[in-house]
Amino acid sequence: MSFRRSSAPHRAFTLIELLVVIAIIAILAAILFPVFQKVRENARRAVCESNLKQIGLAYTQYNQDFDEMTPTVSKFHFDGGIDGSGYTPDYFIILQPYIKSVNVFDCPDRNDPMPTQGDGSGHAKGYIKGNKANNSAIDPGGCFDNYNATGQCVGYGYNDGIVGDGGYGLIGLQTYLMNPDGTFVMQNGSKVAIRAGRSIASIVSPADLVAFGDTWDNLSVADDNAAGRFSSTAALRHGGLENMCFVDGHVKPIREQMSLYKGHFVVVIPVDPKLATDWCVDPAGIGTYSLDYGTTPGDYPIDGSGETCQAVANGLYANSTPLP
């Protein structure tokens, strides 16, 4: 028995058919890639939210252990650190006994690398005094603190007010550490500055007051600091929907925007003006900038001494232009 082979030729794809297939793949990619990117961003935002919830729990425990007082921030110099030359206790260091992990303070959307070696004087290895270009190259985020050895900048800032150093947030008037004999505590020839925390009872609404949140600054979430080195709303983390942890421990995202205050000062403010006072211990409270520094604030952006926190918020919106 014999079998005959079919003599019908094998049909190949035509050029048009190949182009159609390629076009379909390109269209699917254009549709799916943004979806995948959004899914990844949502996952990073969820990790960030989880981090802040842990920090909020530690914060609540700290407040309970210290008679319902929020952390005090000082410039006291402790021995040790990465290079052994010492460090100052920033808020994330103060909370370490309750968390025991610096990594929790790393936001997955902040990619600024941080040097993990010091030069023996409290600066990053390679630091040159007065050389901004060199120092920015070795520490782009400006966040070397001689304590954090994770290689990544801390991602969250503490609420030191709607504008930094204004006395509107969770740290009060700047004073100086005193010895029992009434003399000033001195380190390296200078008085040691200290800003005391707030009593929880003095906070008008703990559930409406930001404690920590996403920032590009080195440890401050104040509106005039949070932009860091950036000047575009597009640079905000999580697509501008930034996570904030409140004094009562709950976490929620706030839609924010970068704006140009009076044509020259970049600020980060909520899109909804009603949320601006979430940075105010007391919206009707008077700031302490002039008491701290002995000068009238001027263009800080505080228009003058004696302004309430609500007035500062109103001024921010009245004099700011949104940045794309």
C-alpha atoms as a PDB file:
ATOM      1  CA  MET A   1       0.000   0.000   0.000  1.00  0.00           C
ATOM      2  CA  SER A   2       1.358   3.434  -0.854  1.00  0.00           C
ATOM      3  CA  PHE A   3       0.531   6.844   0.567  1.00  0.00           C
ATOM      4  CA  ARG A   4       0.500  10.000  -1.471  1.00  0.00           C
ATOM      5  CA  ARG A   5       1.882  13.164   0.060  1.00  0.00           C
ATOM      6  CA  SER A   6      -0.194  16.232  -0.263  1.00  0.00           C
ATOM      7  CA  SER A   7       1.353  18.600  -2.706  1.00  0.00           C
ATOM      8  CA  ALA A   8      -0.554  21.632  -1.280  1.00  0.00           C
ATOM      9  CA  PRO A   9       1.960  24.348  -0.334  1.00  0.00           C
ATOM     10  CA  HIS A  10       2.197  25.596   3.316  1.00  0.00           C
ATOM     11  CA  ARG A  11       0.674  29.033   3.557  1.00  0.00           C
ATOM     12  CA  ALA A  12       2.824  31.709   5.320  1.00  0.00           C
ATOM     13  CA  PHE A  13       1.663  34.906   6.983  1.00  0.00           C
ATOM     14  CA  THR A  14       1.438  37.820   4.649  1.00  0.00           C
ATOM     15  CA  LEU A  15       3.096  41.109   5.517  1.00  0.00           C
ATOM     16  CA  ILE A  16      -0.284  42.692   6.167  1.00  0.00           C
ATOM     17  CA  GLU A  17      -1.256  39.919   8.586  1.00  0.00           C
ATOM     18  CA  LEU A  18       2.029  40.322  10.475  1.00  0.00           C
ATOM     19  CA  LEU A  19       1.509  44.064  10.707  1.00  0.00           C
ATOM     20  CA  VAL A  20      -2.016  43.499  12.009  1.00  0.00           C
ATOM     21  CA  VAL A  21      -0.705  41.135  14.720  1.00  0.00           C
ATOM     22  CA  ILE A  22       2.026  43.589  15.713  1.00  0.00           C
ATOM     23  CA  ALA A  23      -0.520  46.401  15.847  1.00  0.00           C
ATOM     24  CA  ILE A  24      -2.818  44.343  18.095  1.00  0.00           C
ATOM     25  CA  ILE A  25       0.095  43.535  20.442  1.00  0.00           C
ATOM     26  CA  ALA A  26       1.075  47.227  20.554  1.00  0.00           C
ATOM     27  CA  ILE A  27      -2.492  48.250  21.359  1.00  0.00           C
ATOM     28  CA  LEU A  28      -2.743  45.648  24.150  1.00  0.00           C
ATOM     29  CA  ALA A  29       0.597  46.789  25.562  1.00  0.00           C
ATOM     30  CA  ALA A  30      -0.529  50.413  25.508  1.00  0.00           C
ATOM     31  CA  ILE A  31      -3.674  49.423  27.395  1.00  0.00           C
ATOM     32  CA  LEU A  32      -2.104  47.010  29.885  1.00  0.00           C
ATOM     33  CA  PHE A  33       1.198  48.687  30.799  1.00  0.00           C
ATOM     34  CA  PRO A  34      -0.477  51.683  32.528  1.00  0.00           C
ATOM     35  CA  VAL A  35      -2.740  49.210  34.339  1.00  0.00           C
ATOM     36  CA  PHE A  36       0.281  47.217  35.550  1.00  0.00           C
ATOM     37  CA  GLN A  37       2.013  50.435  36.558  1.00  0.00           C
ATOM     38  CA  LYS A  38      -1.041  51.517  38.541  1.00  0.00           C
ATOM     39  CA  VAL A  39      -1.211  48.116  40.244  1.00  0.00           C
ATOM     40  CA  ARG A  40       2.455  48.411  41.264  1.00  0.00           C
ATOM     41  CA  GLU A  41       1.891  51.939  42.551  1.00  0.00           C
ATOM     42  CA  ASN A  42      -1.125  50.807  44.563  1.00  0.00           C
ATOM     43  CA  ALA A  43       1.037  48.057  46.082  1.00  0.00           C
ATOM     44  CA  ARG A  44       3.734  50.578  47.044  1.00  0.00           C
ATOM     45  CA  ARG A  45       1.108  52.885  48.518  1.00  0.00           C
ATOM     46  CA  ALA A  46      -0.271  49.967  50.555  1.00  0.00           C
ATOM     47  CA  VAL A  47       3.215  49.189  51.933  1.00  0.00           C
ATOM     48  CA  CYS A  48       3.650  52.871  52.771  1.00  0.00           C
ATOM     49  CA  GLU A  49       0.288  52.898  54.567  1.00  0.00           C
ATOM     50  CA  SER A  50       1.267  49.798  56.539  1.00  0.00           C
ATOM     51  CA  ASN A  51       4.549  51.445  57.568  1.00  0.00           C
ATOM     52  CA  LEU A  52       2.741  54.516  58.820  1.00  0.00           C
ATOM     53  CA  LYS A  53       0.256  52.421  60.784  1.00  0.00           C
ATOM     54  CA  GLN A  54       3.165  50.765  62.590  1.00  0.00           C
ATOM     55  CA  ILE A  55       4.752  54.146  63.262  1.00  0.00           C
ATOM     56  CA  GLY A  56       1.401  55.459  64.504  1.00  0.00           C
ATOM     57  CA  LEU A  57       1.102  52.556  66.945  1.00  0.00           C
ATOM     58  CA  ALA A  58       4.622  53.209  68.246  1.00  0.00           C
ATOM     59  CA  TYR A  59       3.788  56.902  68.549  1.00  0.00           C
ATOM     60  CA  THR A  60       0.683  56.140  70.609  1.00  0.00           C
ATOM     61  CA  GLN A  61       2.703  53.870  72.914  1.00  0.00           C
ATOM     62  CA  TYR A  62       5.344  56.567  73.352  1.00  0.00           C
ATOM     63  CA  ASN A  63       2.717  59.166  74.227  1.00  0.00           C
ATOM     64  CA  GLN A  64       1.178  56.850  76.815  1.00  0.00           C
ATOM     65  CA  ASP A  65       4.559  56.099  78.393  1.00  0.00           C
ATOM     66  CA  PHE A  66       5.441  59.801  78.629  1.00  0.00           C
ATOM     67  CA  ASP A  67       2.316  61.111  80.347  1.00  0.00           C
ATOM     68  CA  GLU A  68       0.377  61.939  77.172  1.00  0.00           C
ATOM     69  CA  MET A  69       3.191  64.060  75.753  1.00  0.00           C
ATOM     70  CA  THR A  70       4.379  63.927  72.145  1.00  0.00           C
ATOM     71  CA  PRO A  71       8.128  63.477  71.491  1.00  0.00           C
ATOM     72  CA  THR A  72      10.513  66.296  72.297  1.00  0.00           C
ATOM     73  CA  VAL A  73      13.063  67.094  69.597  1.00  0.00           C
ATOM     74  CA  SER A  74      16.503  68.384  70.541  1.00  0.00           C
ATOM     75  CA  LYS A  75      19.966  69.011  69.105  1.00  0.00           C
ATOM     76  CA  PHE A  76      21.612  67.052  71.925  1.00  0.00           C
ATOM     77  CA  HIS A  77      24.563  65.091  70.568  1.00  0.00           C
ATOM     78  CA  PHE A  78      24.720  61.395  71.483  1.00  0.00           C
ATOM     79  CA  ASP A  79      27.860  59.297  71.207  1.00  0.00           C
ATOM     80  CA  GLY A  80      28.115  56.617  68.532  1.00  0.00           C
ATOM     81  CA  GLY A  81      26.585  56.732  65.086  1.00  0.00           C
ATOM     82  CA  ILE A  82      27.767  55.254  61.797  1.00  0.00           C
ATOM     83  CA  ASP A  83      31.234  56.784  61.976  1.00  0.00           C
ATOM     84  CA  GLY A  84      31.403  57.040  65.777  1.00  0.00           C
ATOM     85  CA  SER A  85      31.255  60.841  65.786  1.00  0.00           C
ATOM     86  CA  GLY A  86      27.749  60.995  67.261  1.00  0.00           C
ATOM     87  CA  TYR A  87      24.207  61.848  66.167  1.00  0.00           C
ATOM     88  CA  THR A  88      21.178  63.885  67.186  1.00  0.00           C
ATOM     89  CA  PRO A  89      17.934  62.087  68.144  1.00  0.00           C
ATOM     90  CA  ASP A  90      15.492  62.717  65.309  1.00  0.00           C
ATOM     91  CA  TYR A  91      11.910  61.529  65.846  1.00  0.00           C
ATOM     92  CA  PHE A  92      12.441  58.161  64.124  1.00  0.00           C
ATOM     93  CA  ILE A  93      15.348  57.462  66.478  1.00  0.00           C
ATOM     94  CA  ILE A  94      13.245  58.378  69.518  1.00  0.00           C
ATOM     95  CA  LEU A  95      10.639  55.813  68.439  1.00  0.00           C
ATOM     96  CA  GLN A  96      13.143  53.004  67.840  1.00  0.00           C
ATOM     97  CA  PRO A  97      12.537  51.313  71.246  1.00  0.00           C
ATOM     98  CA  TYR A  98       8.918  50.790  70.134  1.00  0.00           C
ATOM     99  CA  ILE A  99       9.612  49.691  66.555  1.00  0.00           C
ATOM    100  CA  LYS A 100      13.195  48.363  66.535  1.00  0.00           C
ATOM    101  CA  SER A 101      13.508  48.859  62.789  1.00  0.00           C
ATOM    102  CA  VAL A 102      14.674  51.830  60.765  1.00  0.00           C
ATOM    103  CA  ASN A 103      13.378  50.158  57.580  1.00  0.00           C
ATOM    104  CA  VAL A 104       9.782  50.848  58.641  1.00  0.00           C
ATOM    105  CA  PHE A 105      10.546  54.527  58.037  1.00  0.00           C
ATOM    106  CA  ASP A 106      11.489  53.857  54.390  1.00  0.00           C
ATOM    107  CA  CYS A 107       8.735  54.698  51.910  1.00  0.00           C
ATOM    108  CA  PRO A 108       8.924  52.417  48.829  1.00  0.00           C
ATOM    109  CA  ASP A 109       8.273  55.451  46.620  1.00  0.00           C
ATOM    110  CA  ARG A 110      11.267  57.424  47.927  1.00  0.00           C
ATOM    111  CA  ASN A 111      14.275  56.151  45.991  1.00  0.00           C
ATOM    112  CA  ASP A 112      16.889  58.634  47.192  1.00  0.00           C
ATOM    113  CA  PRO A 113      20.022  56.659  48.047  1.00  0.00           C
ATOM    114  CA  MET A 114      21.815  57.631  51.232  1.00  0.00           C
ATOM    115  CA  PRO A 115      25.499  57.182  52.065  1.00  0.00           C
ATOM    116  CA  THR A 116      26.155  54.497  54.653  1.00  0.00           C
ATOM    117  CA  GLN A 117      29.646  55.669  55.552  1.00  0.00           C
ATOM    118  CA  GLY A 118      30.616  58.768  57.501  1.00  0.00           C
ATOM    119  CA  ASP A 119      33.776  60.863  57.387  1.00  0.00           C
ATOM    120  CA  GLY A 120      34.370  60.906  61.143  1.00  0.00           C
ATOM    121  CA  SER A 121      32.872  64.373  61.627  1.00  0.00           C
ATOM    122  CA  GLY A 122      29.175  63.537  61.323  1.00  0.00           C
ATOM    123  CA  HIS A 123      29.029  64.107  57.559  1.00  0.00           C
ATOM    124  CA  ALA A 124      28.809  61.594  54.727  1.00  0.00           C
ATOM    125  CA  LYS A 125      32.087  60.199  53.450  1.00  0.00           C
ATOM    126  CA  GLY A 126      33.375  62.500  50.711  1.00  0.00           C
ATOM    127  CA  TYR A 127      31.627  65.590  52.138  1.00  0.00           C
ATOM    128  CA  ILE A 128      33.355  68.891  51.336  1.00  0.00           C
ATOM    129  CA  LYS A 129      32.254  71.947  53.299  1.00  0.00           C
ATOM    130  CA  GLY A 130      30.753  74.600  51.043  1.00  0.00           C
ATOM    131  CA  ASN A 131      30.837  72.423  47.906  1.00  0.00           C
ATOM    132  CA  LYS A 132      27.139  72.009  47.079  1.00  0.00           C
ATOM    133  CA  ALA A 133      27.689  70.181  43.788  1.00  0.00           C
ATOM    134  CA  ASN A 134      29.918  67.567  45.425  1.00  0.00           C
ATOM    135  CA  ASN A 135      27.696  67.120  48.466  1.00  0.00           C
ATOM    136  CA  SER A 136      24.546  66.806  46.335  1.00  0.00           C
ATOM    137  CA  ALA A 137      26.245  64.139  44.249  1.00  0.00           C
ATOM    138  CA  ILE A 138      27.159  61.962  47.243  1.00  0.00           C
ATOM    139  CA  ASP A 139      23.891  62.582  49.109  1.00  0.00           C
ATOM    140  CA  PRO A 140      21.145  63.598  46.605  1.00  0.00           C
ATOM    141  CA  GLY A 141      18.401  63.631  49.230  1.00  0.00           C
ATOM    142  CA  GLY A 142      20.490  65.548  51.764  1.00  0.00           C
ATOM    143  CA  CYS A 143      19.465  63.021  54.376  1.00  0.00           C
ATOM    144  CA  PHE A 144      22.664  61.582  55.881  1.00  0.00           C
ATOM    145  CA  ASP A 145      22.095  61.561  59.656  1.00  0.00           C
ATOM    146  CA  ASN A 146      24.956  59.348  60.884  1.00  0.00           C
ATOM    147  CA  TYR A 147      22.432  56.854  62.284  1.00  0.00           C
ATOM    148  CA  ASN A 148      20.366  55.363  59.473  1.00  0.00           C
ATOM    149  CA  ALA A 149      22.455  52.675  57.768  1.00  0.00           C
ATOM    150  CA  THR A 150      19.747  51.298  55.440  1.00  0.00           C
ATOM    151  CA  GLY A 151      21.134  53.110  52.392  1.00  0.00           C
ATOM    152  CA  GLN A 152      17.771  54.821  51.780  1.00  0.00           C
ATOM    153  CA  CYS A 153      16.521  58.177  52.993  1.00  0.00           C
ATOM    154  CA  VAL A 154      13.828  58.185  55.674  1.00  0.00           C
ATOM    155  CA  GLY A 155      10.557  58.650  53.810  1.00  0.00           C
ATOM    156  CA  TYR A 156       8.360  60.282  56.423  1.00  0.00           C
ATOM    157  CA  GLY A 157       8.451  63.648  58.137  1.00  0.00           C
ATOM    158  CA  TYR A 158       7.241  64.804  61.532  1.00  0.00           C
ATOM    159  CA  ASN A 159       4.617  67.523  61.770  1.00  0.00           C
ATOM    160  CA  ASP A 160       6.525  70.557  62.993  1.00  0.00           C
ATOM    161  CA  GLY A 161       3.690  72.785  61.800  1.00  0.00           C
ATOM    162  CA  ILE A 162       1.934  74.041  58.700  1.00  0.00           C
ATOM    163  CA  VAL A 163       5.217  75.895  58.124  1.00  0.00           C
ATOM    164  CA  GLY A 164       8.423  74.737  59.767  1.00  0.00           C
ATOM    165  CA  ASP A 165       9.641  76.487  62.912  1.00  0.00           C
ATOM    166  CA  GLY A 166       6.389  78.410  63.191  1.00  0.00           C
ATOM    167  CA  GLY A 167       5.286  76.769  66.430  1.00  0.00           C
ATOM    168  CA  TYR A 168       2.023  75.477  64.947  1.00  0.00           C
ATOM    169  CA  GLY A 169       2.767  71.740  65.007  1.00  0.00           C
ATOM    170  CA  LEU A 170       3.708  68.977  67.421  1.00  0.00           C
ATOM    171  CA  ILE A 171       6.821  70.702  68.744  1.00  0.00           C
ATOM    172  CA  GLY A 172       6.665  73.984  70.573  1.00  0.00           C
ATOM    173  CA  LEU A 173       8.787  77.036  71.270  1.00  0.00           C
ATOM    174  CA  GLN A 174      12.540  76.571  70.965  1.00  0.00           C
ATOM    175  CA  THR A 175      14.348  76.721  74.299  1.00  0.00           C
ATOM    176  CA  TYR A 176      17.684  75.394  75.582  1.00  0.00           C
ATOM    177  CA  LEU A 177      18.689  72.522  77.843  1.00  0.00           C
ATOM    178  CA  MET A 178      19.647  73.632  81.343  1.00  0.00           C
ATOM    179  CA  ASN A 179      21.914  72.091  83.965  1.00  0.00           C
ATOM    180  CA  PRO A 180      20.619  71.636  87.549  1.00  0.00           C
ATOM    181  CA  ASP A 181      22.654  74.709  88.586  1.00  0.00           C
ATOM    182  CA  GLY A 182      20.782  76.885  86.101  1.00  0.00           C
ATOM    183  CA  THR A 183      23.553  77.100  83.496  1.00  0.00           C
ATOM    184  CA  PHE A 184      23.104  76.122  79.863  1.00  0.00           C
ATOM    185  CA  VAL A 185      24.097  72.666  78.654  1.00  0.00           C
ATOM    186  CA  MET A 186      26.917  73.246  76.169  1.00  0.00           C
ATOM    187  CA  GLN A 187      28.151  70.959  73.391  1.00  0.00           C
ATOM    188  CA  ASN A 188      30.879  71.894  70.922  1.00  0.00           C
ATOM    189  CA  GLY A 189      30.780  75.440  72.239  1.00  0.00           C
ATOM    190  CA  SER A 190      27.061  75.943  71.614  1.00  0.00           C
ATOM    191  CA  LYS A 191      23.888  75.822  73.682  1.00  0.00           C
ATOM    192  CA  VAL A 192      21.769  72.734  73.036  1.00  0.00           C
ATOM    193  CA  ALA A 193      18.456  73.715  71.433  1.00  0.00           C
ATOM    194  CA  ILE A 194      15.322  71.820  72.385  1.00  0.00           C
ATOM    195  CA  ARG A 195      11.707  71.959  71.233  1.00  0.00           C
ATOM    196  CA  ALA A 196       9.332  70.338  73.687  1.00  0.00           C
ATOM    197  CA  GLY A 197       6.494  68.106  72.576  1.00  0.00           C
ATOM    198  CA  ARG A 198       2.819  68.879  73.104  1.00  0.00           C
ATOM    199  CA  SER A 199       0.428  67.475  75.639  1.00  0.00           C
ATOM    200  CA  ILE A 200      -2.310  65.476  73.948  1.00  0.00           C
ATOM    201  CA  ALA A 201      -4.831  67.534  75.946  1.00  0.00           C
ATOM    202  CA  SER A 202      -3.634  70.702  74.180  1.00  0.00           C
ATOM    203  CA  ILE A 203      -4.480  69.309  70.731  1.00  0.00           C
ATOM    204  CA  VAL A 204      -7.896  70.517  69.603  1.00  0.00           C
ATOM    205  CA  SER A 205      -8.645  67.362  67.584  1.00  0.00           C
ATOM    206  CA  PRO A 206      -6.072  64.513  67.605  1.00  0.00           C
ATOM    207  CA  ALA A 207      -8.057  62.687  64.902  1.00  0.00           C
ATOM    208  CA  ASP A 208      -7.629  65.726  62.616  1.00  0.00           C
ATOM    209  CA  LEU A 209      -3.960  66.452  63.261  1.00  0.00           C
ATOM    210  CA  VAL A 210      -1.208  64.981  61.084  1.00  0.00           C
ATOM    211  CA  ALA A 211       1.649  63.398  63.047  1.00  0.00           C
ATOM    212  CA  PHE A 212       3.761  61.946  60.208  1.00  0.00           C
ATOM    213  CA  GLY A 213       3.522  61.704  56.459  1.00  0.00           C
ATOM    214  CA  ASP A 214       5.138  61.417  53.048  1.00  0.00           C
ATOM    215  CA  THR A 215       7.758  64.069  52.389  1.00  0.00           C
ATOM    216  CA  TRP A 216      10.801  64.792  50.218  1.00  0.00           C
ATOM    217  CA  ASP A 217      12.358  66.705  53.094  1.00  0.00           C
ATOM    218  CA  ASN A 218      14.751  65.233  55.614  1.00  0.00           C
ATOM    219  CA  LEU A 219      12.282  64.493  58.432  1.00  0.00           C
ATOM    220  CA  SER A 220       9.796  67.385  58.134  1.00  0.00           C
ATOM    221  CA  VAL A 221       6.289  67.245  56.665  1.00  0.00           C
ATOM    222  CA  ALA A 222       5.692  71.008  57.034  1.00  0.00           C
ATOM    223  CA  ASP A 223       4.145  72.565  53.928  1.00  0.00           C
ATOM    224  CA  ASP A 224       7.201  74.745  53.270  1.00  0.00           C
ATOM    225  CA  ASN A 225       9.645  71.838  53.663  1.00  0.00           C
ATOM    226  CA  ALA A 226       7.956  68.798  52.100  1.00  0.00           C
ATOM    227  CA  ALA A 227       8.892  69.662  48.488  1.00  0.00           C
ATOM    228  CA  GLY A 228      12.557  69.024  49.191  1.00  0.00           C
ATOM    229  CA  ARG A 229      14.572  69.708  46.032  1.00  0.00           C
ATOM    230  CA  PHE A 230      11.550  69.299  43.719  1.00  0.00           C
ATOM    231  CA  SER A 231       9.215  71.889  42.221  1.00  0.00           C
ATOM    232  CA  SER A 232       6.543  69.900  40.392  1.00  0.00           C
ATOM    233  CA  THR A 233       3.317  68.225  41.517  1.00  0.00           C
ATOM    234  CA  ALA A 234       4.281  65.322  39.247  1.00  0.00           C
ATOM    235  CA  ALA A 235       7.189  64.628  41.623  1.00  0.00           C
ATOM    236  CA  LEU A 236       4.896  63.957  44.581  1.00  0.00           C
ATOM    237  CA  ARG A 237       4.849  60.357  45.720  1.00  0.00           C
ATOM    238  CA  HIS A 238       1.960  57.952  45.071  1.00  0.00           C
ATOM    239  CA  GLY A 239       0.705  60.110  42.231  1.00  0.00           C
ATOM    240  CA  GLY A 240       0.102  63.013  44.618  1.00  0.00           C
ATOM    241  CA  LEU A 241      -2.138  60.965  46.911  1.00  0.00           C
ATOM    242  CA  GLU A 242       0.220  61.092  49.883  1.00  0.00           C
ATOM    243  CA  ASN A 243      -0.238  59.028  53.040  1.00  0.00           C
ATOM    244  CA  MET A 244      -0.576  60.757  56.401  1.00  0.00           C
ATOM    245  CA  CYS A 245      -0.665  59.253  59.883  1.00  0.00           C
ATOM    246  CA  PHE A 246      -2.690  61.193  62.428  1.00  0.00           C
ATOM    247  CA  VAL A 247      -2.103  61.636  66.149  1.00  0.00           C
ATOM    248  CA  ASP A 248      -4.815  59.122  67.032  1.00  0.00           C
ATOM    249  CA  GLY A 249      -2.991  56.504  64.919  1.00  0.00           C
ATOM    250  CA  HIS A 250      -5.233  56.242  61.862  1.00  0.00           C
ATOM    251  CA  VAL A 251      -3.788  56.641  58.360  1.00  0.00           C
ATOM    252  CA  LYS A 252      -5.404  58.174  55.299  1.00  0.00           C
ATOM    253  CA  PRO A 253      -4.199  59.591  51.963  1.00  0.00           C
ATOM    254  CA  ILE A 254      -4.466  63.301  51.207  1.00  0.00           C
ATOM    255  CA  ARG A 255      -4.402  64.652  47.662  1.00  0.00           C
ATOM    256  CA  GLU A 256      -1.646  67.276  47.559  1.00  0.00           C
ATOM    257  CA  GLN A 257      -0.110  69.676  45.082  1.00  0.00           C
ATOM    258  CA  MET A 258       3.079  71.676  44.821  1.00  0.00           C
ATOM    259  CA  SER A 259       2.511  75.395  44.520  1.00  0.00           C
ATOM    260  CA  LEU A 260       4.640  78.499  44.096  1.00  0.00           C
ATOM    261  CA  TYR A 261       4.147  80.878  47.011  1.00  0.00           C
ATOM    262  CA  LYS A 262       4.518  84.568  46.026  1.00  0.00           C
ATOM    263  CA  GLY A 263       6.417  83.567  42.908  1.00  0.00           C
ATOM    264  CA  HIS A 264       9.513  82.117  44.533  1.00  0.00           C
ATOM    265  CA  PHE A 265       8.814  79.696  47.398  1.00  0.00           C
ATOM    266  CA  VAL A 266       7.724  76.107  46.661  1.00  0.00           C
ATOM    267  CA  VAL A 267       5.184  74.669  49.115  1.00  0.00           C
ATOM    268  CA  VAL A 268       3.206  71.417  49.298  1.00  0.00           C
ATOM    269  CA  ILE A 269      -0.424  71.965  50.247  1.00  0.00           C
ATOM    270  CA  PRO A 270      -3.598  69.853  50.186  1.00  0.00           C
ATOM    271  CA  VAL A 271      -5.746  70.300  47.089  1.00  0.00           C
ATOM    272  CA  ASP A 272      -8.700  70.781  49.453  1.00  0.00           C
ATOM    273  CA  PRO A 273      -8.048  73.991  51.462  1.00  0.00           C
ATOM    274  CA  LYS A 274     -10.218  72.665  54.304  1.00  0.00           C
ATOM    275  CA  LEU A 275      -7.525  70.072  55.069  1.00  0.00           C
ATOM    276  CA  ALA A 276      -4.730  72.635  55.535  1.00  0.00           C
ATOM    277  CA  THR A 277      -5.474  72.938  59.246  1.00  0.00           C
ATOM    278  CA  ASP A 278      -4.700  69.213  59.639  1.00  0.00           C
ATOM    279  CA  TRP A 279      -1.191  70.561  60.282  1.00  0.00           C
ATOM    280  CA  CYS A 280      -2.408  72.819  63.132  1.00  0.00           C
ATOM    281  CA  VAL A 281      -2.409  71.774  66.799  1.00  0.00           C
ATOM    282  CA  ASP A 282      -4.947  74.574  67.229  1.00  0.00           C
ATOM    283  CA  PRO A 283      -6.226  76.419  64.125  1.00  0.00           C
ATOM    284  CA  ALA A 284      -6.753  79.487  66.328  1.00  0.00           C
ATOM    285  CA  GLY A 285      -3.318  79.152  67.938  1.00  0.00           C
ATOM    286  CA  ILE A 286      -0.689  81.887  67.530  1.00  0.00           C
ATOM    287  CA  GLY A 287       2.716  80.920  66.166  1.00  0.00           C
ATOM    288  CA  THR A 288       6.034  81.383  67.954  1.00  0.00           C
ATOM    289  CA  TYR A 289       8.365  82.185  65.048  1.00  0.00           C
ATOM    290  CA  SER A 290       9.281  85.677  66.242  1.00  0.00           C
ATOM    291  CA  LEU A 291       9.751  84.390  69.801  1.00  0.00           C
ATOM    292  CA  ASP A 292      12.104  81.677  68.543  1.00  0.00           C
ATOM    293  CA  TYR A 293      14.185  83.864  66.267  1.00  0.00           C
ATOM    294  CA  GLY A 294      13.652  87.418  67.498  1.00  0.00           C
ATOM    295  CA  THR A 295      12.546  88.623  64.062  1.00  0.00           C
ATOM    296  CA  THR A 296       9.313  89.200  62.195  1.00  0.00           C
ATOM    297  CA  PRO A 297       8.777  86.270  59.800  1.00  0.00           C
ATOM    298  CA  GLY A 298       8.098  88.394  56.729  1.00  0.00           C
ATOM    299  CA  ASP A 299       8.038  86.119  53.686  1.00  0.00           C
ATOM    300  CA  TYR A 300       8.557  82.768  55.370  1.00  0.00           C
ATOM    301  CA  PRO A 301       5.606  82.064  54.310  1.00  0.00           C
ATOM    302  CA  ILE A 302       4.293  83.672  57.469  1.00  0.00           C
ATOM    303  CA  ASP A 303       3.286  87.263  56.792  1.00  0.00           C
ATOM    304  CA  GLY A 304       3.975  88.513  60.301  1.00  0.00           C
ATOM    305  CA  SER A 305       4.121  87.714  63.982  1.00  0.00           C
ATOM    306  CA  GLY A 306       0.830  87.029  65.733  1.00  0.00           C
ATOM    307  CA  GLU A 307      -0.770  85.060  62.887  1.00  0.00           C
ATOM    308  CA  THR A 308      -3.038  82.176  63.771  1.00  0.00           C
ATOM    309  CA  CYS A 309      -2.487  78.823  62.077  1.00  0.00           C
ATOM    310  CA  GLN A 310      -5.742  79.296  60.155  1.00  0.00           C
ATOM    311  CA  ALA A 311      -4.514  82.689  58.931  1.00  0.00           C
ATOM    312  CA  VAL A 312      -1.257  81.126  57.714  1.00  0.00           C
ATOM    313  CA  ALA A 313      -3.277  78.479  55.840  1.00  0.00           C
ATOM    314  CA  ASN A 314      -5.453  81.142  54.240  1.00  0.00           C
ATOM    315  CA  GLY A 315      -2.362  83.077  53.198  1.00  0.00           C
ATOM    316  CA  LEU A 316      -0.796  80.018  51.603  1.00  0.00           C
ATOM    317  CA  TYR A 317      -3.756  79.512  49.307  1.00  0.00           C
ATOM    318  CA  ALA A 318      -4.304  83.192  48.579  1.00  0.00           C
ATOM    319  CA  ASN A 319      -0.702  83.683  47.460  1.00  0.00           C
ATOM    320  CA  SER A 320       0.125  80.364  45.771  1.00  0.00           C
ATOM    321  CA  THR A 321      -0.035  79.206  42.159  1.00  0.00           C
ATOM    322  CA  PRO A 322      -0.332  75.439  41.505  1.00  0.00           C
ATOM    323  CA  LEU A 323       2.629  73.799  39.755  1.00  0.00           C
ATOM    324  CA  PRO A 324       2.001  70.994  37.226  1.00  0.00           C
END
